[in-house]
C-alpha atoms as a PDB file:
ATOM      1  CA  MET A   1      98.276  75.003  81.395  1.00  0.00           C
ATOM      2  CA  SER A   2      95.019  75.972  83.035  1.00  0.00           C
ATOM      3  CA  VAL A   3      94.004  79.452  82.007  1.00  0.00           C
ATOM      4  CA  PHE A   4      94.337  82.198  84.591  1.00  0.00           C
ATOM      5  CA  SER A   5      92.277  85.327  84.227  1.00  0.00           C
ATOM      6  CA  GLU A   6      92.645  87.593  81.261  1.00  0.00           C
ATOM      7  CA  MET A   7      95.382  90.156  81.376  1.00  0.00           C
ATOM      8  CA  CYS A   8      94.829  92.501  84.316  1.00  0.00           C
ATOM      9  CA  HIS A   9      93.388  95.900  83.551  1.00  0.00           C
ATOM     10  CA  SER A  10      92.794  98.703  86.014  1.00  0.00           C
ATOM     11  CA  GLU A  11      90.022  96.651  87.622  1.00  0.00           C
ATOM     12  CA  PRO A  12      91.212  93.066  87.102  1.00  0.00           C
ATOM     13  CA  LYS A  13      89.157  89.919  87.197  1.00  0.00           C
ATOM     14  CA  TRP A  14      90.443  87.396  89.727  1.00  0.00           C
ATOM     15  CA  ASP A  15      90.001  83.693  88.980  1.00  0.00           C
ATOM     16  CA  SER A  16      90.411  80.646  91.202  1.00  0.00           C
ATOM     17  CA  PRO A  17      93.809  78.914  91.370  1.00  0.00           C
ATOM     18  CA  PRO A  18      94.572  76.664  88.386  1.00  0.00           C
ATOM     19  CA  ALA A  19      95.386  72.989  88.675  1.00  0.00           C
ATOM     20  CA  ASP A  20      98.648  73.593  86.794  1.00  0.00           C
ATOM     21  CA  PHE A  21     100.939  76.292  88.233  1.00  0.00           C
ATOM     22  CA  THR A  22     103.090  76.604  85.098  1.00  0.00           C
ATOM     23  CA  ILE A  23     104.442  80.096  84.437  1.00  0.00           C
ATOM     24  CA  SER A  24     106.328  81.172  81.321  1.00  0.00           C
ATOM     25  CA  ASP A  25     109.192  83.645  81.079  1.00  0.00           C
ATOM     26  CA  ASN A  26     106.936  86.378  79.661  1.00  0.00           C
ATOM     27  CA  GLU A  27     104.271  86.151  82.375  1.00  0.00           C
ATOM     28  CA  VAL A  28     103.844  87.737  85.781  1.00  0.00           C
ATOM     29  CA  HIS A  29     101.221  86.159  88.023  1.00  0.00           C
ATOM     30  CA  LEU A  30      99.578  88.260  90.709  1.00  0.00           C
ATOM     31  CA  TRP A  31      97.854  86.426  93.554  1.00  0.00           C
ATOM     32  CA  GLN A  32      95.461  88.014  96.010  1.00  0.00           C
ATOM     33  CA  ALA A  33      94.582  86.543  99.414  1.00  0.00           C
ATOM     34  CA  SER A  34      92.675  87.534 102.509  1.00  0.00           C
ATOM     35  CA  LEU A  35      94.723  87.191 105.691  1.00  0.00           C
ATOM     36  CA  ASP A  36      91.673  86.975 107.943  1.00  0.00           C
ATOM     37  CA  GLN A  37      91.154  83.214 108.164  1.00  0.00           C
ATOM     38  CA  SER A  38      89.413  80.810 110.530  1.00  0.00           C
ATOM     39  CA  CYS A  39      91.217  79.453 113.589  1.00  0.00           C
ATOM     40  CA  SER A  40      91.405  75.974 112.044  1.00  0.00           C
ATOM     41  CA  ARG A  41      92.920  77.355 108.852  1.00  0.00           C
ATOM     42  CA  ILE A  42      95.508  79.357 110.809  1.00  0.00           C
ATOM     43  CA  GLN A  43      96.486  76.204 112.684  1.00  0.00           C
ATOM     44  CA  GLU A  44      96.975  74.342 109.385  1.00  0.00           C
ATOM     45  CA  LEU A  45      99.079  77.135 107.894  1.00  0.00           C
ATOM     46  CA  GLU A  46     101.211  77.428 111.018  1.00  0.00           C
ATOM     47  CA  GLN A  47     102.401  73.867 110.476  1.00  0.00           C
ATOM     48  CA  LEU A  48     104.018  74.965 107.196  1.00  0.00           C
ATOM     49  CA  LEU A  49     106.238  77.595 108.828  1.00  0.00           C
ATOM     50  CA  CYS A  50     109.887  77.115 109.671  1.00  0.00           C
ATOM     51  CA  PRO A  51     111.078  77.588 113.283  1.00  0.00           C
ATOM     52  CA  ALA A  52     112.254  81.155 112.609  1.00  0.00           C
ATOM     53  CA  GLU A  53     108.854  82.106 111.166  1.00  0.00           C
ATOM     54  CA  LYS A  54     107.047  80.542 114.136  1.00  0.00           C
ATOM     55  CA  LEU A  55     109.315  82.455 116.504  1.00  0.00           C
ATOM     56  CA  ARG A  56     108.562  85.705 114.688  1.00  0.00           C
ATOM     57  CA  ALA A  57     104.830  84.986 114.800  1.00  0.00           C
ATOM     58  CA  GLY A  58     105.020  84.501 118.550  1.00  0.00           C
ATOM     59  CA  LYS A  59     106.461  87.977 119.061  1.00  0.00           C
ATOM     60  CA  PHE A  60     103.353  89.828 117.872  1.00  0.00           C
ATOM     61  CA  VAL A  61     101.544  91.549 120.726  1.00  0.00           C
ATOM     62  CA  PHE A  62      98.073  91.349 119.177  1.00  0.00           C
ATOM     63  CA  ASP A  63      96.577  88.033 118.136  1.00  0.00           C
ATOM     64  CA  LYS A  64      95.082  89.571 114.981  1.00  0.00           C
ATOM     65  CA  HIS A  65      98.547  90.531 113.733  1.00  0.00           C
ATOM     66  CA  ARG A  66      99.981  87.135 114.639  1.00  0.00           C
ATOM     67  CA  ARG A  67      97.241  85.337 112.725  1.00  0.00           C
ATOM     68  CA  ARG A  68      97.703  87.542 109.665  1.00  0.00           C
ATOM     69  CA  PHE A  69     101.447  86.929 109.675  1.00  0.00           C
ATOM     70  CA  ILE A  70     100.916  83.163 109.822  1.00  0.00           C
ATOM     71  CA  ALA A  71      98.356  83.318 106.996  1.00  0.00           C
ATOM     72  CA  GLY A  72     100.627  85.464 104.852  1.00  0.00           C
ATOM     73  CA  ARG A  73     103.655  83.202 105.211  1.00  0.00           C
ATOM     74  CA  GLY A  74     101.607  80.022 104.901  1.00  0.00           C
ATOM     75  CA  PHE A  75      99.922  81.177 101.697  1.00  0.00           C
ATOM     76  CA  LEU A  76     103.292  82.231 100.270  1.00  0.00           C
ATOM     77  CA  ARG A  77     104.668  78.750 100.913  1.00  0.00           C
ATOM     78  CA  ASN A  78     101.606  77.104  99.366  1.00  0.00           C
ATOM     79  CA  ILE A  79     101.787  79.260  96.242  1.00  0.00           C
ATOM     80  CA  LEU A  80     105.522  78.832  95.685  1.00  0.00           C
ATOM     81  CA  GLY A  81     105.315  75.116  96.444  1.00  0.00           C
ATOM     82  CA  GLY A  82     102.722  74.781  93.684  1.00  0.00           C
ATOM     83  CA  TYR A  83     105.007  76.367  91.092  1.00  0.00           C
ATOM     84  CA  LEU A  84     108.032  74.360  92.199  1.00  0.00           C
ATOM     85  CA  ASN A  85     106.164  71.098  92.736  1.00  0.00           C
ATOM     86  CA  GLN A  86     107.645  70.929  96.221  1.00  0.00           C
ATOM     87  CA  GLN A  87     106.231  70.538  99.695  1.00  0.00           C
ATOM     88  CA  ALA A  88     105.505  73.996 101.112  1.00  0.00           C
ATOM     89  CA  VAL A  89     107.073  73.150 104.456  1.00  0.00           C
ATOM     90  CA  ASN A  90     110.424  72.310 102.795  1.00  0.00           C
ATOM     91  CA  LEU A  91     110.980  75.660 101.076  1.00  0.00           C
ATOM     92  CA  GLU A  92     113.955  77.717 102.229  1.00  0.00           C
ATOM     93  CA  PHE A  93     114.483  81.458 101.888  1.00  0.00           C
ATOM     94  CA  SER A  94     117.394  83.858 101.864  1.00  0.00           C
ATOM     95  CA  TYR A  95     117.236  87.613 102.456  1.00  0.00           C
ATOM     96  CA  GLY A  96     119.054  90.490 100.754  1.00  0.00           C
ATOM     97  CA  PRO A  97     120.797  93.396 102.533  1.00  0.00           C
ATOM     98  CA  GLN A  98     117.498  95.333 102.693  1.00  0.00           C
ATOM     99  CA  GLY A  99     115.451  92.282 103.627  1.00  0.00           C
ATOM    100  CA  LYS A 100     114.164  91.260 100.186  1.00  0.00           C
ATOM    101  CA  PRO A 101     113.287  87.539 100.323  1.00  0.00           C
ATOM    102  CA  ALA A 102     114.361  85.012  97.696  1.00  0.00           C
ATOM    103  CA  LEU A 103     114.041  81.286  97.283  1.00  0.00           C
ATOM    104  CA  ILE A 104     117.056  79.079  97.891  1.00  0.00           C
ATOM    105  CA  SER A 105     116.839  76.891  94.792  1.00  0.00           C
ATOM    106  CA  PRO A 106     119.308  74.347  93.401  1.00  0.00           C
ATOM    107  CA  ASN A 107     118.437  75.338  89.821  1.00  0.00           C
ATOM    108  CA  ILE A 108     120.045  78.768  89.449  1.00  0.00           C
ATOM    109  CA  HIS A 109     119.544  78.799  85.666  1.00  0.00           C
ATOM    110  CA  ASP A 110     115.742  78.789  85.826  1.00  0.00           C
ATOM    111  CA  LYS A 111     114.870  80.896  88.823  1.00  0.00           C
ATOM    112  CA  LEU A 112     111.451  81.661  90.261  1.00  0.00           C
ATOM    113  CA  TYR A 113     111.228  85.215  91.607  1.00  0.00           C
ATOM    114  CA  PHE A 114     108.543  86.517  93.916  1.00  0.00           C
ATOM    115  CA  ASN A 115     107.593  89.503  96.016  1.00  0.00           C
ATOM    116  CA  VAL A 116     104.977  89.979  98.728  1.00  0.00           C
ATOM    117  CA  SER A 117     103.049  92.930 100.103  1.00  0.00           C
ATOM    118  CA  HIS A 118     100.294  93.100 102.680  1.00  0.00           C
ATOM    119  CA  SER A 119      98.188  95.832 104.216  1.00  0.00           C
ATOM    120  CA  HIS A 120      95.323  95.445 106.680  1.00  0.00           C
ATOM    121  CA  GLU A 121      93.777  92.056 105.759  1.00  0.00           C
ATOM    122  CA  MET A 122      94.931  92.062 102.099  1.00  0.00           C
ATOM    123  CA  ALA A 123      98.008  90.279 100.728  1.00  0.00           C
ATOM    124  CA  LEU A 124      99.415  90.289  97.191  1.00  0.00           C
ATOM    125  CA  TYR A 125     101.982  87.856  95.822  1.00  0.00           C
ATOM    126  CA  ALA A 126     103.780  88.601  92.554  1.00  0.00           C
ATOM    127  CA  ILE A 127     105.432  85.611  90.855  1.00  0.00           C
ATOM    128  CA  SER A 128     107.753  85.657  87.830  1.00  0.00           C
ATOM    129  CA  ARG A 129     110.373  83.476  86.205  1.00  0.00           C
ATOM    130  CA  ASN A 130     113.887  84.758  85.514  1.00  0.00           C
ATOM    131  CA  ARG A 131     112.981  88.412  86.103  1.00  0.00           C
ATOM    132  CA  GLN A 132     112.857  90.559  89.242  1.00  0.00           C
ATOM    133  CA  VAL A 133     109.485  91.797  90.455  1.00  0.00           C
ATOM    134  CA  GLY A 134     108.187  94.101  93.190  1.00  0.00           C
ATOM    135  CA  VAL A 135     104.658  94.654  94.483  1.00  0.00           C
ATOM    136  CA  ASP A 136     103.090  97.037  96.975  1.00  0.00           C
ATOM    137  CA  VAL A 137      99.549  97.289  98.333  1.00  0.00           C
ATOM    138  CA  GLU A 138      98.282  99.993 100.680  1.00  0.00           C
ATOM    139  CA  TYR A 139      95.110 100.397 102.720  1.00  0.00           C
ATOM    140  CA  LEU A 140      93.659 103.803 101.874  1.00  0.00           C
ATOM    141  CA  ARG A 141      91.872 104.363 105.167  1.00  0.00           C
ATOM    142  CA  THR A 142      95.107 104.848 107.071  1.00  0.00           C
ATOM    143  CA  LYS A 143      95.336 108.022 109.187  1.00  0.00           C
ATOM    144  CA  GLN A 144      98.733 109.070 107.815  1.00  0.00           C
ATOM    145  CA  ASP A 145      99.382 112.731 106.989  1.00  0.00           C
ATOM    146  CA  VAL A 146     100.012 112.097 103.317  1.00  0.00           C
ATOM    147  CA  GLU A 147     100.887 115.683 102.384  1.00  0.00           C
ATOM    148  CA  ASN A 148     103.771 115.834 104.856  1.00  0.00           C
ATOM    149  CA  ILE A 149     105.066 112.459 103.697  1.00  0.00           C
ATOM    150  CA  ALA A 150     104.820 113.613 100.082  1.00  0.00           C
ATOM    151  CA  GLN A 151     106.926 116.668 100.885  1.00  0.00           C
ATOM    152  CA  ARG A 152     109.635 114.299 102.130  1.00  0.00           C
ATOM    153  CA  TYR A 153     109.695 111.731  99.325  1.00  0.00           C
ATOM    154  CA  PHE A 154     107.885 113.197  96.301  1.00  0.00           C
ATOM    155  CA  TYR A 155     108.981 115.479  93.487  1.00  0.00           C
ATOM    156  CA  PRO A 156     107.437 118.967  93.113  1.00  0.00           C
ATOM    157  CA  SER A 157     105.236 117.903  90.194  1.00  0.00           C
ATOM    158  CA  GLU A 158     103.770 115.080  92.284  1.00  0.00           C
ATOM    159  CA  CYS A 159     103.231 117.348  95.289  1.00  0.00           C
ATOM    160  CA  ASP A 160     101.498 119.895  93.062  1.00  0.00           C
ATOM    161  CA  VAL A 161      98.990 117.273  91.914  1.00  0.00           C
ATOM    162  CA  ILE A 162      98.241 116.180  95.484  1.00  0.00           C
ATOM    163  CA  GLY A 163      97.980 119.777  96.704  1.00  0.00           C
ATOM    164  CA  SER A 164      95.436 120.617  94.000  1.00  0.00           C
ATOM    165  CA  LEU A 165      92.963 117.946  95.078  1.00  0.00           C
ATOM    166  CA  SER A 166      90.178 117.817  97.617  1.00  0.00           C
ATOM    167  CA  ALA A 167      90.883 116.197 100.976  1.00  0.00           C
ATOM    168  CA  GLU A 168      89.013 113.075  99.863  1.00  0.00           C
ATOM    169  CA  LYS A 169      91.134 112.676  96.710  1.00  0.00           C
ATOM    170  CA  LYS A 170      94.533 113.542  98.205  1.00  0.00           C
ATOM    171  CA  LYS A 171      95.021 110.145  99.832  1.00  0.00           C
ATOM    172  CA  GLU A 172      94.125 108.210  96.690  1.00  0.00           C
ATOM    173  CA  ALA A 173      96.559 110.266  94.601  1.00  0.00           C
ATOM    174  CA  PHE A 174      99.283 109.904  97.201  1.00  0.00           C
ATOM    175  CA  PHE A 175      99.001 106.121  97.255  1.00  0.00           C
ATOM    176  CA  LYS A 176      98.956 105.924  93.470  1.00  0.00           C
ATOM    177  CA  ALA A 177     102.465 107.347  93.476  1.00  0.00           C
ATOM    178  CA  TRP A 178     103.612 105.723  96.699  1.00  0.00           C
ATOM    179  CA  THR A 179     102.770 102.172  95.599  1.00  0.00           C
ATOM    180  CA  VAL A 180     104.789 102.608  92.395  1.00  0.00           C
ATOM    181  CA  LYS A 181     107.776 103.978  94.332  1.00  0.00           C
ATOM    182  CA  GLU A 182     107.568 101.221  96.928  1.00  0.00           C
ATOM    183  CA  ALA A 183     107.158  98.486  94.308  1.00  0.00           C
ATOM    184  CA  TYR A 184     110.262  99.788  92.520  1.00  0.00           C
ATOM    185  CA  ALA A 185     112.257  99.799  95.752  1.00  0.00           C
ATOM    186  CA  LYS A 186     111.195  96.217  96.418  1.00  0.00           C
ATOM    187  CA  ALA A 187     111.883  95.041  92.863  1.00  0.00           C
ATOM    188  CA  THR A 188     115.412  96.417  92.931  1.00  0.00           C
ATOM    189  CA  GLY A 189     116.026  95.370  96.534  1.00  0.00           C
ATOM    190  CA  GLU A 190     117.381  98.836  97.345  1.00  0.00           C
ATOM    191  CA  GLY A 191     114.954  99.594 100.150  1.00  0.00           C
ATOM    192  CA  LEU A 192     113.562 102.936 101.299  1.00  0.00           C
ATOM    193  CA  SER A 193     116.743 104.822 100.419  1.00  0.00           C
ATOM    194  CA  VAL A 194     115.760 104.823  96.738  1.00  0.00           C
ATOM    195  CA  LEU A 195     112.253 106.285  97.208  1.00  0.00           C
ATOM    196  CA  GLU A 196     113.441 109.877  96.927  1.00  0.00           C
ATOM    197  CA  GLN A 197     114.929 109.135  93.502  1.00  0.00           C
ATOM    198  CA  VAL A 198     111.776 107.646  91.980  1.00  0.00           C
ATOM    199  CA  GLU A 199     109.473 110.033  90.119  1.00  0.00           C
ATOM    200  CA  THR A 200     106.042 109.025  88.829  1.00  0.00           C
ATOM    201  CA  SER A 201     103.739 110.470  86.224  1.00  0.00           C
ATOM    202  CA  LEU A 202     101.041 111.249  88.770  1.00  0.00           C
ATOM    203  CA  SER A 203      97.765 112.685  87.507  1.00  0.00           C
ATOM    204  CA  PRO A 204      94.465 113.402  89.284  1.00  0.00           C
ATOM    205  CA  ASP A 205      92.437 110.886  87.291  1.00  0.00           C
ATOM    206  CA  GLY A 206      94.711 108.314  85.646  1.00  0.00           C
ATOM    207  CA  PRO A 207      97.100 105.771  87.142  1.00  0.00           C
ATOM    208  CA  ALA A 208     100.604 106.653  88.250  1.00  0.00           C
ATOM    209  CA  THR A 209     103.454 105.122  86.253  1.00  0.00           C
ATOM    210  CA  LEU A 210     107.204 105.024  86.641  1.00  0.00           C
ATOM    211  CA  LEU A 211     108.496 108.210  84.974  1.00  0.00           C
ATOM    212  CA  ASN A 212     112.139 108.566  86.022  1.00  0.00           C
ATOM    213  CA  VAL A 213     114.696 107.220  88.453  1.00  0.00           C
ATOM    214  CA  HIS A 214     117.088 110.076  89.075  1.00  0.00           C
ATOM    215  CA  GLY A 215     120.684 108.945  89.145  1.00  0.00           C
ATOM    216  CA  ASP A 216     119.989 105.791  87.088  1.00  0.00           C
ATOM    217  CA  SER A 217     119.811 106.582  83.378  1.00  0.00           C
ATOM    218  CA  GLY A 218     119.124 102.961  82.436  1.00  0.00           C
ATOM    219  CA  ALA A 219     116.241 102.365  84.813  1.00  0.00           C
ATOM    220  CA  MET A 220     113.424 103.224  82.422  1.00  0.00           C
ATOM    221  CA  ALA A 221     114.708 100.757  79.854  1.00  0.00           C
ATOM    222  CA  ARG A 222     114.911  98.000  82.448  1.00  0.00           C
ATOM    223  CA  TRP A 223     111.715  98.397  84.504  1.00  0.00           C
ATOM    224  CA  LEU A 224     107.999  98.687  83.751  1.00  0.00           C
ATOM    225  CA  SER A 225     105.293  99.595  86.250  1.00  0.00           C
ATOM    226  CA  ARG A 226     101.605  98.694  86.398  1.00  0.00           C
ATOM    227  CA  GLN A 227      98.993 100.192  88.731  1.00  0.00           C
ATOM    228  CA  ILE A 228      96.367  97.799  90.043  1.00  0.00           C
ATOM    229  CA  HIS A 229      93.029  99.005  91.459  1.00  0.00           C
ATOM    230  CA  LEU A 230      91.738  96.334  93.811  1.00  0.00           C
ATOM    231  CA  PHE A 231      88.781  97.626  95.825  1.00  0.00           C
ATOM    232  CA  PRO A 232      87.735 101.120  96.944  1.00  0.00           C
ATOM    233  CA  ASP A 233      89.867 100.792 100.099  1.00  0.00           C
ATOM    234  CA  TYR A 234      93.111  99.568  98.476  1.00  0.00           C
ATOM    235  CA  MET A 235      95.707 100.691  95.942  1.00  0.00           C
ATOM    236  CA  ALA A 236      98.497  98.547  94.521  1.00  0.00           C
ATOM    237  CA  ALA A 237     101.298  98.617  91.969  1.00  0.00           C
ATOM    238  CA  LEU A 238     103.713  96.233  90.292  1.00  0.00           C
ATOM    239  CA  VAL A 239     107.192  96.963  88.981  1.00  0.00           C
ATOM    240  CA  VAL A 240     108.714  94.252  86.804  1.00  0.00           C
ATOM    241  CA  GLU A 241     112.073  93.806  85.129  1.00  0.00           C
ATOM    242  CA  GLY A 242     111.794  93.976  81.339  1.00  0.00           C
ATOM    243  CA  ARG A 243     108.999  95.175  79.094  1.00  0.00           C
ATOM    244  CA  ASP A 244     108.065  91.933  77.324  1.00  0.00           C
ATOM    245  CA  TRP A 245     105.652  90.522  79.893  1.00  0.00           C
ATOM    246  CA  HIS A 246     101.942  90.293  80.492  1.00  0.00           C
ATOM    247  CA  LEU A 247     100.055  90.057  83.741  1.00  0.00           C
ATOM    248  CA  ARG A 248      97.596  87.404  84.876  1.00  0.00           C
ATOM    249  CA  CYS A 249      95.617  87.494  88.112  1.00  0.00           C
ATOM    250  CA  VAL A 250      94.343  84.808  90.442  1.00  0.00           C
ATOM    251  CA  MET A 251      92.490  84.766  93.743  1.00  0.00           C
ATOM    252  CA  HIS A 252      93.924  82.440  96.362  1.00  0.00           C
ATOM    253  CA  ASN A 253      91.039  80.341  97.639  1.00  0.00           C
ATOM    254  CA  PRO A 254      92.357  78.221 100.501  1.00  0.00           C
ATOM    255  CA  ASP A 255      89.024  76.576 101.167  1.00  0.00           C
END
């Protein structure tokens, strides 16, 4: 197998895609891609989409959002097709009750799992074999009122940390916790209803990690979280089933 980057740390190194897309059971691969692509590249990626995806793309009001949707779905198909050694255009997906996507694969005993998140022009794709995975990325320059949202979804200890910080640091701290909560919700497929139950070990300086899932005593034995610092304007987190895995990172380079 071609070597990906070294195991991701808080500021991971992103390597180019390998020639061999092999992934072992104890690996999680995290792909990063820019959704802002040239017109010619968007046209190429659009040809990979199924009719339902093309219909959805056509419903976007703004061309920028339509192009990013096409890029995101096209890159997902390219990445998964590489692992499965299949044509990207032939991949089929199913969707859970809360909208979590999954591959329709004839080999149910050796299943490739994936999860996708995008914000602004950034997309992340988490890939694993035989274990569930969730990923979330957030653009920090959003104009959301993070303190009010925290009061709705966060535990008192988390709100206390956010409330103690300067205005500049509040948003970063909020998204540290939020990305972990969101990644957990996506990994489990439970959707937004579970966010209020997820508590993180939020601190002013360090990463947030999964601390407790209230109402699920076995959650901490089953799931492990990892915070990923991308660039100054983004925050991301992974939540992965099991604790016996390591993370490798790769930059999608379509050109």
